[in-house]
Amino acid sequence: MNGYIDEFYELFFRKFNTLTKEQVNKYITILDNKSLDTQINIFWGLFNLKERNEFIKIFQYIISF
């Protein structure tokens, strides 16, 4: 794998508008060493309202099985 999809990078570019893809990759490497709760909170905070609602909708669909 040579990086992430553009939509993933866009999450970080939207919040930290000066980051490059290389900087995002370094940030993710640092984030990997944080607790799972911290990682979830950071990604949840990067989502906008529509993305949060889509995530909840997908998750509810998955757990309904």
Protein backbone atom coordinates (compact mmCIF):
# COMPACT_ATOMS: atom_id res chain seq x y z
CA MET A 1 0.00 0.00 0.00
CA ASN A 2 1.35 3.40 -0.95
CA GLY A 3 -0.66 5.71 1.29
CA TYR A 4 -4.32 6.33 1.78
CA ILE A 5 -7.20 7.32 -0.49
CA ASP A 6 -7.67 11.02 -1.18
CA GLU A 7 -10.82 11.23 0.99
CA PHE A 8 -8.76 10.15 4.00
CA TYR A 9 -6.21 12.89 3.41
CA GLU A 10 -9.02 15.40 2.91
CA LEU A 11 -10.14 14.82 6.51
CA PHE A 12 -6.79 16.12 7.73
CA PHE A 13 -6.39 18.83 5.09
CA ARG A 14 -9.73 20.25 6.15
CA LYS A 15 -8.64 20.56 9.79
CA PHE A 16 -4.94 21.22 9.35
CA ASN A 17 -4.92 23.10 6.05
CA THR A 18 -1.11 23.32 5.83
CA LEU A 19 -0.40 19.58 5.96
CA THR A 20 1.01 17.64 3.04
CA LYS A 21 0.33 13.94 2.45
CA GLU A 22 3.74 13.17 3.93
CA GLN A 23 2.88 15.17 7.06
CA VAL A 24 -0.43 13.34 7.37
CA ASN A 25 1.40 10.01 7.11
CA LYS A 26 3.76 11.07 9.91
CA TYR A 27 0.82 12.23 12.03
CA ILE A 28 -0.90 8.86 11.53
CA THR A 29 2.28 7.07 12.59
CA ILE A 30 2.30 9.09 15.82
CA LEU A 31 -1.43 8.54 16.26
CA ASP A 32 -0.90 4.76 16.04
CA ASN A 33 0.96 4.96 19.36
CA LYS A 34 -1.97 6.65 21.13
CA SER A 35 -4.77 4.82 22.93
CA LEU A 36 -7.68 3.55 20.89
CA ASP A 37 -9.99 6.02 22.65
CA THR A 38 -7.75 8.90 21.59
CA GLN A 39 -7.63 7.65 18.00
CA ILE A 40 -11.42 7.34 17.83
CA ASN A 41 -11.90 10.81 19.34
CA ILE A 42 -9.52 12.39 16.83
CA PHE A 43 -11.20 10.80 13.82
CA TRP A 44 -14.68 11.50 15.17
CA GLY A 45 -13.65 15.13 15.62
CA LEU A 46 -12.45 15.34 12.03
CA PHE A 47 -15.82 14.21 10.65
CA ASN A 48 -18.40 16.81 9.75
CA LEU A 49 -22.04 16.32 10.76
CA LYS A 50 -22.98 14.53 7.52
CA GLU A 51 -20.04 12.12 7.81
CA ARG A 52 -20.89 11.34 11.44
CA ASN A 53 -24.49 10.59 10.53
CA GLU A 54 -23.40 8.36 7.62
CA PHE A 55 -21.02 6.50 9.93
CA ILE A 56 -23.77 5.94 12.50
CA LYS A 57 -26.17 4.75 9.79
CA ILE A 58 -23.63 2.23 8.46
CA PHE A 59 -22.73 1.03 11.96
CA GLN A 60 -26.39 0.56 12.89
CA TYR A 61 -26.87 -1.48 9.73
CA ILE A 62 -23.87 -3.68 10.56
CA ILE A 63 -24.89 -4.41 14.15
CA SER A 64 -28.47 -5.21 13.13
CA PHE A 65 -27.32 -8.58 11.74
